[in-house]
């Protein structure tokens, strides 16, 4: 199976990388930019016996290691 995990900062959390990219885009002439938020994308290949177990496993991965749930949110998709 393959899990696609998307992690981003929660609303209201300062994103200095996003601000730097936003500024750089403005300098390059992209004047319509209203905001940039930087996140993480992971693809994880793994074995699971069922979709239910796969969901539980990826959820645990996110909660225990991949996302800092104090300041980040996550979502994932699983492909068989």
PDB file of N, CA and C in Angstrom:
ATOM      1  N   UNK A   1       0.841  -1.174   0.000  1.00  0.00           N
ATOM      2  CA  UNK A   1       0.000   0.000   0.000  1.00  0.00           C
ATOM      3  C   UNK A   1       0.886   1.236   0.000  1.00  0.00           C
ATOM      4  N   UNK A   2       0.286   2.347  -0.405  1.00  0.00           N
ATOM      5  CA  UNK A   2       1.009   3.610  -0.405  1.00  0.00           C
ATOM      6  C   UNK A   2       0.148   4.659   0.300  1.00  0.00           C
ATOM      7  N   UNK A   3       0.765   5.345   1.256  1.00  0.00           N
ATOM      8  CA  UNK A   3       0.091   6.442   1.931  1.00  0.00           C
ATOM      9  C   UNK A   3       0.676   7.746   1.434  1.00  0.00           C
ATOM     10  N   UNK A   4      -0.195   8.687   1.132  1.00  0.00           N
ATOM     11  CA  UNK A   4       0.215  10.043   0.785  1.00  0.00           C
ATOM     12  C   UNK A   4      -0.213  10.924   1.951  1.00  0.00           C
ATOM     13  N   UNK A   5       0.778  11.527   2.616  1.00  0.00           N
ATOM     14  CA  UNK A   5       0.526  12.291   3.835  1.00  0.00           C
ATOM     15  C   UNK A   5       0.820  13.767   3.568  1.00  0.00           C
ATOM     16  N   UNK A   6      -0.129  14.620   3.920  1.00  0.00           N
ATOM     17  CA  UNK A   6      -0.003  16.065   3.760  1.00  0.00           C
ATOM     18  C   UNK A   6      -0.021  16.710   5.140  1.00  0.00           C
ATOM     19  N   UNK A   7       1.023  17.477   5.450  1.00  0.00           N
ATOM     20  CA  UNK A   7       1.140  18.113   6.760  1.00  0.00           C
ATOM     21  C   UNK A   7       1.291  19.614   6.549  1.00  0.00           C
ATOM     22  N   UNK A   8       0.542  20.400   7.305  1.00  0.00           N
ATOM     23  CA  UNK A   8       0.646  21.855   7.194  1.00  0.00           C
ATOM     24  C   UNK A   8       0.481  22.493   8.568  1.00  0.00           C
ATOM     25  N   UNK A   9       0.967  23.714   8.664  1.00  0.00           N
ATOM     26  CA  UNK A   9       0.827  24.445   9.920  1.00  0.00           C
ATOM     27  C   UNK A   9      -0.630  24.812  10.146  1.00  0.00           C
ATOM     28  N   UNK A  10      -1.050  24.802  11.388  1.00  0.00           N
ATOM     29  CA  UNK A  10      -2.404  25.219  11.724  1.00  0.00           C
ATOM     30  C   UNK A  10      -2.558  26.708  11.440  1.00  0.00           C
ATOM     31  N   UNK A  11      -3.805  27.114  11.181  1.00  0.00           N
ATOM     32  CA  UNK A  11      -4.096  28.530  10.989  1.00  0.00           C
ATOM     33  C   UNK A  11      -3.670  29.298  12.239  1.00  0.00           C
ATOM     34  N   UNK A  12      -3.113  30.459  12.034  1.00  0.00           N
ATOM     35  CA  UNK A  12      -2.692  31.289  13.159  1.00  0.00           C
ATOM     36  C   UNK A  12      -1.261  31.039  13.606  1.00  0.00           C
ATOM     37  N   UNK A  13      -0.629  29.988  13.097  1.00  0.00           N
ATOM     38  CA  UNK A  13       0.767  29.708  13.438  1.00  0.00           C
ATOM     39  C   UNK A  13       1.652  30.437  12.430  1.00  0.00           C
ATOM     40  N   UNK A  14       2.610  31.209  12.925  1.00  0.00           N
ATOM     41  CA  UNK A  14       3.526  31.956  12.077  1.00  0.00           C
ATOM     42  C   UNK A  14       4.292  31.008  11.157  1.00  0.00           C
ATOM     43  N   UNK A  15       4.396  31.367   9.878  1.00  0.00           N
ATOM     44  CA  UNK A  15       5.088  30.552   8.877  1.00  0.00           C
ATOM     45  C   UNK A  15       6.191  31.390   8.225  1.00  0.00           C
ATOM     46  N   UNK A  16       7.377  31.471   8.848  1.00  0.00           N
ATOM     47  CA  UNK A  16       8.443  32.315   8.292  1.00  0.00           C
ATOM     48  C   UNK A  16       8.907  31.856   6.907  1.00  0.00           C
ATOM     49  N   UNK A  17       8.920  30.553   6.635  1.00  0.00           N
ATOM     50  CA  UNK A  17       9.298  30.083   5.297  1.00  0.00           C
ATOM     51  C   UNK A  17       8.280  30.551   4.264  1.00  0.00           C
ATOM     52  N   UNK A  18       7.024  30.449   4.598  1.00  0.00           N
ATOM     53  CA  UNK A  18       5.971  30.905   3.693  1.00  0.00           C
ATOM     54  C   UNK A  18       6.088  32.397   3.420  1.00  0.00           C
ATOM     55  N   UNK A  19       6.374  33.177   4.462  1.00  0.00           N
ATOM     56  CA  UNK A  19       6.549  34.633   4.295  1.00  0.00           C
ATOM     57  C   UNK A  19       7.730  34.933   3.392  1.00  0.00           C
ATOM     58  N   UNK A  20       8.835  34.191   3.539  1.00  0.00           N
ATOM     59  CA  UNK A  20      10.022  34.411   2.704  1.00  0.00           C
ATOM     60  C   UNK A  20       9.697  34.113   1.236  1.00  0.00           C
ATOM     61  N   UNK A  21       8.982  33.035   0.977  1.00  0.00           N
ATOM     62  CA  UNK A  21       8.604  32.689  -0.392  1.00  0.00           C
ATOM     63  C   UNK A  21       7.635  33.728  -0.944  1.00  0.00           C
ATOM     64  N   UNK A  22       6.683  34.154  -0.134  1.00  0.00           N
ATOM     65  CA  UNK A  22       5.733  35.184  -0.545  1.00  0.00           C
ATOM     66  C   UNK A  22       6.466  36.457  -0.962  1.00  0.00           C
ATOM     67  N   UNK A  23       7.431  36.867  -0.149  1.00  0.00           N
ATOM     68  CA  UNK A  23       8.215  38.068  -0.449  1.00  0.00           C
ATOM     69  C   UNK A  23       9.007  37.874  -1.746  1.00  0.00           C
ATOM     70  N   UNK A  24       9.674  36.740  -1.894  1.00  0.00           N
ATOM     71  CA  UNK A  24      10.483  36.467  -3.084  1.00  0.00           C
ATOM     72  C   UNK A  24       9.626  36.469  -4.344  1.00  0.00           C
ATOM     73  N   UNK A  25       8.438  35.902  -4.272  1.00  0.00           N
ATOM     74  CA  UNK A  25       7.546  35.909  -5.429  1.00  0.00           C
ATOM     75  C   UNK A  25       7.164  37.334  -5.806  1.00  0.00           C
ATOM     76  N   UNK A  26       6.923  38.177  -4.801  1.00  0.00           N
ATOM     77  CA  UNK A  26       6.624  39.586  -5.065  1.00  0.00           C
ATOM     78  C   UNK A  26       7.777  40.293  -5.753  1.00  0.00           C
ATOM     79  N   UNK A  27       8.987  40.032  -5.280  1.00  0.00           N
ATOM     80  CA  UNK A  27      10.186  40.625  -5.881  1.00  0.00           C
ATOM     81  C   UNK A  27      10.331  40.173  -7.335  1.00  0.00           C
ATOM     82  N   UNK A  28       9.954  38.941  -7.625  1.00  0.00           N
ATOM     83  CA  UNK A  28      10.052  38.404  -8.984  1.00  0.00           C
ATOM     84  C   UNK A  28       8.928  38.894  -9.897  1.00  0.00           C
ATOM     85  N   UNK A  29       8.040  39.711  -9.370  1.00  0.00           N
ATOM     86  CA  UNK A  29       6.994  40.300 -10.198  1.00  0.00           C
ATOM     87  C   UNK A  29       5.633  39.655 -10.088  1.00  0.00           C
ATOM     88  N   UNK A  30       5.486  38.660  -9.237  1.00  0.00           N
ATOM     89  CA  UNK A  30       4.181  38.018  -9.043  1.00  0.00           C
ATOM     90  C   UNK A  30       3.390  38.827  -8.020  1.00  0.00           C
ATOM     91  N   UNK A  31       2.685  39.833  -8.509  1.00  0.00           N
ATOM     92  CA  UNK A  31       2.031  40.803  -7.620  1.00  0.00           C
ATOM     93  C   UNK A  31       0.670  40.357  -7.108  1.00  0.00           C
ATOM     94  N   UNK A  32       0.158  39.257  -7.601  1.00  0.00           N
ATOM     95  CA  UNK A  32      -1.183  38.824  -7.180  1.00  0.00           C
ATOM     96  C   UNK A  32      -1.156  37.874  -5.991  1.00  0.00           C
ATOM     97  N   UNK A  33       0.036  37.537  -5.486  1.00  0.00           N
ATOM     98  CA  UNK A  33       0.158  36.605  -4.356  1.00  0.00           C
ATOM     99  C   UNK A  33      -0.425  37.246  -3.110  1.00  0.00           C
ATOM    100  N   UNK A  34      -1.304  36.525  -2.428  1.00  0.00           N
ATOM    101  CA  UNK A  34      -1.914  37.021  -1.193  1.00  0.00           C
ATOM    102  C   UNK A  34      -1.420  36.294   0.039  1.00  0.00           C
ATOM    103  N   UNK A  35      -0.704  35.200  -0.144  1.00  0.00           N
ATOM    104  CA  UNK A  35      -0.186  34.461   0.999  1.00  0.00           C
ATOM    105  C   UNK A  35       0.396  33.136   0.553  1.00  0.00           C
ATOM    106  N   UNK A  36       1.390  32.653   1.292  1.00  0.00           N
ATOM    107  CA  UNK A  36       2.016  31.370   1.007  1.00  0.00           C
ATOM    108  C   UNK A  36       2.190  30.630   2.327  1.00  0.00           C
ATOM    109  N   UNK A  37       1.818  29.374   2.351  1.00  0.00           N
ATOM    110  CA  UNK A  37       2.033  28.512   3.512  1.00  0.00           C
ATOM    111  C   UNK A  37       2.859  27.321   3.044  1.00  0.00           C
ATOM    112  N   UNK A  38       3.879  26.967   3.786  1.00  0.00           N
ATOM    113  CA  UNK A  38       4.745  25.848   3.445  1.00  0.00           C
ATOM    114  C   UNK A  38       4.317  24.633   4.263  1.00  0.00           C
ATOM    115  N   UNK A  39       4.318  23.472   3.635  1.00  0.00           N
ATOM    116  CA  UNK A  39       3.959  22.241   4.326  1.00  0.00           C
ATOM    117  C   UNK A  39       4.895  21.116   3.934  1.00  0.00           C
ATOM    118  N   UNK A  40       4.504  19.907   4.315  1.00  0.00           N
ATOM    119  CA  UNK A  40       5.289  18.715   3.994  1.00  0.00           C
ATOM    120  C   UNK A  40       4.393  17.713   3.280  1.00  0.00           C
ATOM    121  N   UNK A  41       5.009  16.973   2.370  1.00  0.00           N
ATOM    122  CA  UNK A  41       4.314  15.905   1.657  1.00  0.00           C
ATOM    123  C   UNK A  41       5.189  14.669   1.747  1.00  0.00           C
ATOM    124  N   UNK A  42       4.613  13.549   2.162  1.00  0.00           N
ATOM    125  CA  UNK A  42       5.359  12.302   2.270  1.00  0.00           C
ATOM    126  C   UNK A  42       4.611  11.199   1.543  1.00  0.00           C
ATOM    127  N   UNK A  43       5.356  10.299   0.909  1.00  0.00           N
ATOM    128  CA  UNK A  43       4.799   9.070   0.363  1.00  0.00           C
ATOM    129  C   UNK A  43       5.435   7.914   1.112  1.00  0.00           C
ATOM    130  N   UNK A  44       4.614   7.049   1.650  1.00  0.00           N
ATOM    131  CA  UNK A  44       5.100   5.931   2.457  1.00  0.00           C
ATOM    132  C   UNK A  44       4.562   4.634   1.866  1.00  0.00           C
ATOM    133  N   UNK A  45       5.463   3.760   1.454  1.00  0.00           N
ATOM    134  CA  UNK A  45       5.081   2.429   0.979  1.00  0.00           C
ATOM    135  C   UNK A  45       5.170   1.467   2.160  1.00  0.00           C
ATOM    136  N   UNK A  46       4.123   0.676   2.366  1.00  0.00           N
ATOM    137  CA  UNK A  46       4.113  -0.249   3.495  1.00  0.00           C
ATOM    138  C   UNK A  46       3.140  -1.386   3.223  1.00  0.00           C
ATOM    139  N   UNK A  47       3.216  -2.413   4.049  1.00  0.00           N
ATOM    140  CA  UNK A  47       2.316  -3.558   3.946  1.00  0.00           C
ATOM    141  C   UNK A  47       1.280  -3.482   5.061  1.00  0.00           C
ATOM    142  N   UNK A  48       0.049  -3.762   4.704  1.00  0.00           N
ATOM    143  CA  UNK A  48      -1.023  -3.848   5.697  1.00  0.00           C
ATOM    144  C   UNK A  48      -2.012  -4.897   5.216  1.00  0.00           C
ATOM    145  N   UNK A  49      -2.662  -5.571   6.138  1.00  0.00           N
ATOM    146  CA  UNK A  49      -3.567  -6.661   5.781  1.00  0.00           C
ATOM    147  C   UNK A  49      -4.962  -6.186   5.392  1.00  0.00           C
ATOM    148  N   UNK A  50      -5.312  -4.953   5.769  1.00  0.00           N
ATOM    149  CA  UNK A  50      -6.621  -4.411   5.410  1.00  0.00           C
ATOM    150  C   UNK A  50      -6.541  -2.888   5.371  1.00  0.00           C
ATOM    151  N   UNK A  51      -7.521  -2.282   4.731  1.00  0.00           N
ATOM    152  CA  UNK A  51      -7.568  -0.825   4.653  1.00  0.00           C
ATOM    153  C   UNK A  51      -7.765  -0.224   6.051  1.00  0.00           C
ATOM    154  N   UNK A  52      -8.546  -0.903   6.885  1.00  0.00           N
ATOM    155  CA  UNK A  52      -8.774  -0.427   8.252  1.00  0.00           C
ATOM    156  C   UNK A  52      -7.452  -0.382   9.032  1.00  0.00           C
ATOM    157  N   UNK A  53      -6.670  -1.450   8.934  1.00  0.00           N
ATOM    158  CA  UNK A  53      -5.373  -1.479   9.629  1.00  0.00           C
ATOM    159  C   UNK A  53      -4.424  -0.451   9.046  1.00  0.00           C
ATOM    160  N   UNK A  54      -4.473  -0.261   7.739  1.00  0.00           N
ATOM    161  CA  UNK A  54      -3.617   0.738   7.094  1.00  0.00           C
ATOM    162  C   UNK A  54      -3.941   2.129   7.617  1.00  0.00           C
ATOM    163  N   UNK A  55      -5.230   2.453   7.718  1.00  0.00           N
ATOM    164  CA  UNK A  55      -5.641   3.761   8.238  1.00  0.00           C
ATOM    165  C   UNK A  55      -5.148   3.961   9.667  1.00  0.00           C
ATOM    166  N   UNK A  56      -5.312   2.948  10.502  1.00  0.00           N
ATOM    167  CA  UNK A  56      -4.871   3.046  11.893  1.00  0.00           C
ATOM    168  C   UNK A  56      -3.359   3.218  11.980  1.00  0.00           C
ATOM    169  N   UNK A  57      -2.629   2.502  11.123  1.00  0.00           N
ATOM    170  CA  UNK A  57      -1.172   2.573  11.152  1.00  0.00           C
ATOM    171  C   UNK A  57      -0.663   3.952  10.737  1.00  0.00           C
ATOM    172  N   UNK A  58      -1.223   4.474   9.650  1.00  0.00           N
ATOM    173  CA  UNK A  58      -0.790   5.793   9.181  1.00  0.00           C
ATOM    174  C   UNK A  58      -1.192   6.878  10.187  1.00  0.00           C
ATOM    175  N   UNK A  59      -2.365   6.746  10.762  1.00  0.00           N
ATOM    176  CA  UNK A  59      -2.796   7.682  11.809  1.00  0.00           C
ATOM    177  C   UNK A  59      -1.786   7.687  12.958  1.00  0.00           C
ATOM    178  N   UNK A  60      -1.357   6.515  13.390  1.00  0.00           N
ATOM    179  CA  UNK A  60      -0.379   6.405  14.481  1.00  0.00           C
ATOM    180  C   UNK A  60       0.957   7.009  14.067  1.00  0.00           C
ATOM    181  N   UNK A  61       1.374   6.779  12.821  1.00  0.00           N
ATOM    182  CA  UNK A  61       2.634   7.373  12.336  1.00  0.00           C
ATOM    183  C   UNK A  61       2.582   8.893  12.423  1.00  0.00           C
ATOM    184  N   UNK A  62       1.468   9.443  11.992  1.00  0.00           N
ATOM    185  CA  UNK A  62       1.312  10.905  12.019  1.00  0.00           C
ATOM    186  C   UNK A  62       1.308  11.436  13.447  1.00  0.00           C
ATOM    187  N   UNK A  63       0.567  10.787  14.313  1.00  0.00           N
ATOM    188  CA  UNK A  63       0.449  11.240  15.707  1.00  0.00           C
ATOM    189  C   UNK A  63       1.756  11.108  16.477  1.00  0.00           C
ATOM    190  N   UNK A  64       2.507  10.048  16.220  1.00  0.00           N
ATOM    191  CA  UNK A  64       3.707   9.767  17.011  1.00  0.00           C
ATOM    192  C   UNK A  64       4.977  10.404  16.468  1.00  0.00           C
ATOM    193  N   UNK A  65       5.053  10.637  15.146  1.00  0.00           N
ATOM    194  CA  UNK A  65       6.318  11.101  14.587  1.00  0.00           C
ATOM    195  C   UNK A  65       6.192  12.163  13.497  1.00  0.00           C
ATOM    196  N   UNK A  66       5.342  11.939  12.541  1.00  0.00           N
ATOM    197  CA  UNK A  66       5.378  12.762  11.333  1.00  0.00           C
ATOM    198  C   UNK A  66       4.890  14.187  11.525  1.00  0.00           C
ATOM    199  N   UNK A  67       3.883  14.382  12.358  1.00  0.00           N
ATOM    200  CA  UNK A  67       3.318  15.720  12.555  1.00  0.00           C
ATOM    201  C   UNK A  67       3.462  16.141  14.012  1.00  0.00           C
ATOM    202  N   UNK A  68       3.761  17.408  14.192  1.00  0.00           N
ATOM    203  CA  UNK A  68       3.730  17.998  15.529  1.00  0.00           C
ATOM    204  C   UNK A  68       2.308  18.520  15.712  1.00  0.00           C
ATOM    205  N   UNK A  69       1.465  17.731  16.337  1.00  0.00           N
ATOM    206  CA  UNK A  69       0.036  18.038  16.391  1.00  0.00           C
ATOM    207  C   UNK A  69      -0.306  19.273  17.211  1.00  0.00           C
ATOM    208  N   UNK A  70       0.663  19.828  17.908  1.00  0.00           N
ATOM    209  CA  UNK A  70       0.424  21.081  18.625  1.00  0.00           C
ATOM    210  C   UNK A  70       0.302  22.227  17.630  1.00  0.00           C
ATOM    211  N   UNK A  71       1.115  22.208  16.578  1.00  0.00           N
ATOM    212  CA  UNK A  71       1.131  23.319  15.625  1.00  0.00           C
ATOM    213  C   UNK A  71       0.799  22.906  14.186  1.00  0.00           C
ATOM    214  N   UNK A  72       0.649  21.599  13.934  1.00  0.00           N
ATOM    215  CA  UNK A  72       0.406  21.138  12.571  1.00  0.00           C
ATOM    216  C   UNK A  72      -0.859  20.292  12.474  1.00  0.00           C
ATOM    217  N   UNK A  73      -1.450  20.322  11.300  1.00  0.00           N
ATOM    218  CA  UNK A  73      -2.556  19.425  10.973  1.00  0.00           C
ATOM    219  C   UNK A  73      -2.066  18.472   9.892  1.00  0.00           C
ATOM    220  N   UNK A  74      -2.749  17.360   9.757  1.00  0.00           N
ATOM    221  CA  UNK A  74      -2.376  16.412   8.719  1.00  0.00           C
ATOM    222  C   UNK A  74      -3.616  15.750   8.154  1.00  0.00           C
ATOM    223  N   UNK A  75      -3.439  15.254   6.951  1.00  0.00           N
ATOM    224  CA  UNK A  75      -4.457  14.404   6.313  1.00  0.00           C
ATOM    225  C   UNK A  75      -3.698  13.423   5.448  1.00  0.00           C
ATOM    226  N   UNK A  76      -4.334  12.320   5.141  1.00  0.00           N
ATOM    227  CA  UNK A  76      -3.658  11.328   4.317  1.00  0.00           C
ATOM    228  C   UNK A  76      -4.651  10.580   3.445  1.00  0.00           C
ATOM    229  N   UNK A  77      -4.101   9.996   2.384  1.00  0.00           N
ATOM    230  CA  UNK A  77      -4.841   9.129   1.478  1.00  0.00           C
ATOM    231  C   UNK A  77      -4.065   7.826   1.389  1.00  0.00           C
ATOM    232  N   UNK A  78      -4.769   6.743   1.264  1.00  0.00           N
ATOM    233  CA  UNK A  78      -4.100   5.441   1.139  1.00  0.00           C
ATOM    234  C   UNK A  78      -4.551   4.786  -0.155  1.00  0.00           C
ATOM    235  N   UNK A  79      -3.544   4.342  -0.927  1.00  0.00           N
ATOM    236  CA  UNK A  79      -3.807   3.607  -2.154  1.00  0.00           C
ATOM    237  C   UNK A  79      -3.442   2.144  -1.925  1.00  0.00           C
ATOM    238  N   UNK A  80      -4.287   1.234  -2.359  1.00  0.00           N
ATOM    239  CA  UNK A  80      -3.982  -0.192  -2.181  1.00  0.00           C
ATOM    240  C   UNK A  80      -2.727  -0.619  -2.941  1.00  0.00           C
TER     241      UNK A  80
END
